[in-house]
Amino acid sequence: MYISLPAAAKYLGYSLSTIHRFVNEGHLKVYRATPMSHPRVKIADLDALMRDNHTVVAPGADLDTIWAAACAKFGLKDRSKRVH
């Protein structure tokens, strides 16, 4: 089954920009029925992405620890520590 990118973001509990980042970095493949149609992803691919990249943190970990682990796992820059 194929779903839209916004639906994929909701399915995984991520923002749409994170889904776009996964696509741009090659972690997630998109499919199009025609060259001009909206991109879709397979639910099986989403499940495989989460299974292969599952982030494990201790129960009750604080948000900073969870965010740092997710950034490390997905190769994202941790911008939460940036000084304004």
N, C-alpha and C. Protein backbone atom coordinates (compact mmCIF):
# COMPACT_ATOMS: atom_id res chain seq x y z
N MET A 1 0.85 -1.18 0.00
CA MET A 1 0.00 0.00 0.00
C MET A 1 0.89 1.24 0.00
N TYR A 2 0.51 2.23 -0.76
CA TYR A 2 1.24 3.48 -0.87
C TYR A 2 0.47 4.59 -0.17
N ILE A 3 1.21 5.49 0.51
CA ILE A 3 0.58 6.63 1.16
C ILE A 3 1.37 7.89 0.83
N SER A 4 0.73 9.04 1.02
CA SER A 4 1.38 10.32 0.74
C SER A 4 2.44 10.62 1.80
N LEU A 5 3.30 11.58 1.50
CA LEU A 5 4.34 11.96 2.46
C LEU A 5 3.75 12.55 3.74
N PRO A 6 2.71 13.41 3.66
CA PRO A 6 2.10 13.88 4.92
C PRO A 6 1.51 12.73 5.75
N ALA A 7 0.90 11.76 5.06
CA ALA A 7 0.36 10.61 5.78
C ALA A 7 1.48 9.78 6.40
N ALA A 8 2.62 9.68 5.70
CA ALA A 8 3.77 8.96 6.24
C ALA A 8 4.30 9.64 7.49
N ALA A 9 4.34 10.97 7.48
CA ALA A 9 4.79 11.72 8.66
C ALA A 9 3.87 11.43 9.85
N LYS A 10 2.58 11.43 9.59
CA LYS A 10 1.62 11.15 10.66
C LYS A 10 1.75 9.70 11.13
N TYR A 11 1.94 8.78 10.21
CA TYR A 11 2.07 7.36 10.52
C TYR A 11 3.26 7.11 11.46
N LEU A 12 4.38 7.81 11.18
CA LEU A 12 5.59 7.61 11.98
C LEU A 12 5.67 8.53 13.19
N GLY A 13 4.87 9.59 13.19
CA GLY A 13 4.94 10.55 14.29
C GLY A 13 6.08 11.53 14.12
N TYR A 14 6.49 11.78 12.87
CA TYR A 14 7.55 12.74 12.56
C TYR A 14 6.97 13.93 11.82
N SER A 15 7.75 14.97 11.71
CA SER A 15 7.31 16.13 10.93
C SER A 15 7.48 15.81 9.45
N LEU A 16 6.76 16.56 8.62
CA LEU A 16 6.87 16.38 7.18
C LEU A 16 8.28 16.71 6.70
N SER A 17 8.92 17.69 7.32
CA SER A 17 10.28 18.04 6.91
C SER A 17 11.26 16.90 7.19
N THR A 18 11.03 16.13 8.24
CA THR A 18 11.88 14.97 8.53
C THR A 18 11.68 13.90 7.47
N ILE A 19 10.44 13.68 7.03
CA ILE A 19 10.17 12.72 5.96
C ILE A 19 10.88 13.16 4.68
N HIS A 20 10.80 14.45 4.36
CA HIS A 20 11.50 14.96 3.18
C HIS A 20 13.01 14.76 3.31
N ARG A 21 13.53 14.94 4.50
CA ARG A 21 14.96 14.74 4.73
C ARG A 21 15.33 13.27 4.52
N PHE A 22 14.49 12.34 5.01
CA PHE A 22 14.74 10.92 4.79
C PHE A 22 14.77 10.61 3.30
N VAL A 23 13.87 11.21 2.54
CA VAL A 23 13.82 10.99 1.08
C VAL A 23 15.07 11.57 0.43
N ASN A 24 15.40 12.82 0.76
CA ASN A 24 16.56 13.49 0.15
C ASN A 24 17.87 12.80 0.46
N GLU A 25 17.97 12.20 1.64
CA GLU A 25 19.21 11.52 2.02
C GLU A 25 19.23 10.06 1.58
N GLY A 26 18.16 9.60 0.93
CA GLY A 26 18.14 8.24 0.41
C GLY A 26 17.72 7.17 1.40
N HIS A 27 17.21 7.57 2.55
CA HIS A 27 16.76 6.59 3.55
C HIS A 27 15.38 6.04 3.22
N LEU A 28 14.65 6.75 2.37
CA LEU A 28 13.28 6.39 2.05
C LEU A 28 13.06 6.63 0.56
N LYS A 29 12.52 5.63 -0.13
CA LYS A 29 12.28 5.73 -1.56
C LYS A 29 10.86 6.18 -1.82
N VAL A 30 10.70 7.08 -2.80
CA VAL A 30 9.36 7.53 -3.18
C VAL A 30 9.00 6.93 -4.53
N TYR A 31 7.71 6.80 -4.74
CA TYR A 31 7.16 6.23 -5.98
C TYR A 31 6.14 7.22 -6.53
N ARG A 32 6.04 7.28 -7.86
CA ARG A 32 5.07 8.15 -8.52
C ARG A 32 4.35 7.34 -9.60
N ALA A 33 3.04 7.51 -9.68
CA ALA A 33 2.26 6.82 -10.70
C ALA A 33 2.58 7.40 -12.08
N THR A 34 2.77 8.71 -12.13
CA THR A 34 3.18 9.41 -13.35
C THR A 34 4.24 10.42 -12.95
N PRO A 35 5.00 10.93 -13.90
CA PRO A 35 6.05 11.91 -13.54
C PRO A 35 5.51 13.16 -12.83
N MET A 36 4.26 13.52 -13.07
CA MET A 36 3.70 14.73 -12.46
C MET A 36 2.87 14.45 -11.19
N SER A 37 2.72 13.20 -10.81
CA SER A 37 1.90 12.88 -9.64
C SER A 37 2.66 13.14 -8.34
N HIS A 38 1.91 13.23 -7.27
CA HIS A 38 2.52 13.45 -5.96
C HIS A 38 3.30 12.21 -5.53
N PRO A 39 4.42 12.40 -4.82
CA PRO A 39 5.19 11.23 -4.38
C PRO A 39 4.44 10.43 -3.32
N ARG A 40 4.67 9.15 -3.34
CA ARG A 40 4.08 8.22 -2.37
C ARG A 40 5.18 7.34 -1.82
N VAL A 41 4.97 6.77 -0.67
CA VAL A 41 5.90 5.81 -0.08
C VAL A 41 5.14 4.56 0.30
N LYS A 42 5.85 3.45 0.34
CA LYS A 42 5.24 2.19 0.76
C LYS A 42 5.23 2.12 2.28
N ILE A 43 4.14 1.64 2.83
CA ILE A 43 4.07 1.45 4.28
C ILE A 43 5.11 0.44 4.72
N ALA A 44 5.35 -0.58 3.91
CA ALA A 44 6.37 -1.58 4.24
C ALA A 44 7.75 -0.93 4.35
N ASP A 45 8.03 0.07 3.48
CA ASP A 45 9.31 0.78 3.55
C ASP A 45 9.41 1.59 4.84
N LEU A 46 8.30 2.18 5.27
CA LEU A 46 8.30 2.95 6.52
C LEU A 46 8.56 2.03 7.71
N ASP A 47 7.89 0.87 7.69
CA ASP A 47 8.10 -0.09 8.78
C ASP A 47 9.54 -0.59 8.81
N ALA A 48 10.11 -0.84 7.62
CA ALA A 48 11.50 -1.29 7.55
C ALA A 48 12.46 -0.21 8.03
N LEU A 49 12.18 1.04 7.68
CA LEU A 49 13.01 2.16 8.12
C LEU A 49 13.04 2.23 9.64
N MET A 50 11.90 2.11 10.27
CA MET A 50 11.84 2.17 11.73
C MET A 50 12.47 0.95 12.37
N ARG A 51 12.28 -0.21 11.76
CA ARG A 51 12.86 -1.44 12.31
C ARG A 51 14.40 -1.39 12.20
N ASP A 52 14.90 -0.94 11.05
CA ASP A 52 16.34 -0.90 10.82
C ASP A 52 17.03 0.22 11.58
N ASN A 53 16.29 1.29 11.87
CA ASN A 53 16.88 2.46 12.52
C ASN A 53 16.30 2.71 13.89
N HIS A 54 15.78 1.66 14.51
CA HIS A 54 15.13 1.83 15.81
C HIS A 54 16.11 2.41 16.83
N THR A 55 15.70 3.47 17.45
CA THR A 55 16.51 4.13 18.46
C THR A 55 16.12 3.62 19.83
N VAL A 56 17.10 3.13 20.57
CA VAL A 56 16.82 2.59 21.90
C VAL A 56 17.41 3.52 22.95
N VAL A 57 16.56 3.98 23.83
CA VAL A 57 17.00 4.77 24.97
C VAL A 57 16.35 4.19 26.21
N ALA A 58 16.92 4.48 27.33
CA ALA A 58 16.40 3.95 28.59
C ALA A 58 15.01 4.51 28.87
N PRO A 59 14.13 3.68 29.43
CA PRO A 59 12.80 4.18 29.80
C PRO A 59 12.92 5.36 30.75
N GLY A 60 12.13 6.37 30.53
CA GLY A 60 12.15 7.56 31.37
C GLY A 60 13.26 8.54 31.03
N ALA A 61 13.94 8.32 29.90
CA ALA A 61 15.02 9.23 29.50
C ALA A 61 14.45 10.61 29.22
N ASP A 62 15.25 11.63 29.48
CA ASP A 62 14.77 12.98 29.24
C ASP A 62 14.77 13.27 27.73
N LEU A 63 14.06 14.30 27.35
CA LEU A 63 13.88 14.64 25.94
C LEU A 63 15.20 14.91 25.23
N ASP A 64 16.15 15.55 25.89
CA ASP A 64 17.45 15.83 25.27
C ASP A 64 18.18 14.53 24.91
N THR A 65 18.11 13.53 25.77
CA THR A 65 18.76 12.24 25.51
C THR A 65 18.09 11.53 24.34
N ILE A 66 16.76 11.55 24.31
CA ILE A 66 16.03 10.93 23.21
C ILE A 66 16.36 11.62 21.90
N TRP A 67 16.36 12.94 21.89
CA TRP A 67 16.64 13.70 20.68
C TRP A 67 18.07 13.44 20.19
N ALA A 68 19.03 13.43 21.09
CA ALA A 68 20.42 13.18 20.71
C ALA A 68 20.58 11.79 20.11
N ALA A 69 19.90 10.79 20.68
CA ALA A 69 19.98 9.42 20.16
C ALA A 69 19.35 9.34 18.77
N ALA A 70 18.22 9.99 18.58
CA ALA A 70 17.56 9.98 17.28
C ALA A 70 18.43 10.68 16.23
N CYS A 71 19.02 11.81 16.59
CA CYS A 71 19.89 12.53 15.65
C CYS A 71 21.10 11.67 15.26
N ALA A 72 21.69 11.01 16.23
CA ALA A 72 22.84 10.15 15.95
C ALA A 72 22.43 8.99 15.05
N LYS A 73 21.29 8.39 15.31
CA LYS A 73 20.83 7.23 14.56
C LYS A 73 20.52 7.57 13.11
N PHE A 74 19.92 8.74 12.88
CA PHE A 74 19.52 9.12 11.54
C PHE A 74 20.52 10.06 10.86
N GLY A 75 21.63 10.35 11.51
CA GLY A 75 22.65 11.20 10.91
C GLY A 75 22.23 12.65 10.78
N LEU A 76 21.40 13.12 11.70
CA LEU A 76 20.93 14.50 11.66
C LEU A 76 21.76 15.36 12.59
N LYS A 77 21.82 16.66 12.29
CA LYS A 77 22.52 17.58 13.17
C LYS A 77 21.63 17.90 14.35
N ASP A 78 22.19 17.83 15.53
CA ASP A 78 21.44 18.18 16.74
C ASP A 78 21.49 19.68 16.91
N ARG A 79 20.45 20.37 16.47
CA ARG A 79 20.40 21.82 16.53
C ARG A 79 19.81 22.33 17.84
N SER A 80 19.46 21.42 18.75
CA SER A 80 18.83 21.83 20.00
C SER A 80 19.81 22.55 20.92
N LYS A 81 21.10 22.38 20.72
CA LYS A 81 22.11 22.99 21.60
C LYS A 81 22.66 24.30 21.03
N ARG A 82 22.12 24.75 19.89
CA ARG A 82 22.64 25.94 19.22
C ARG A 82 22.38 27.19 20.05
N VAL A 83 23.37 28.03 20.14
CA VAL A 83 23.26 29.28 20.89
C VAL A 83 22.73 30.35 19.94
N HIS A 84 21.75 31.13 20.38
CA HIS A 84 21.13 32.14 19.52
C HIS A 84 21.84 33.45 19.68
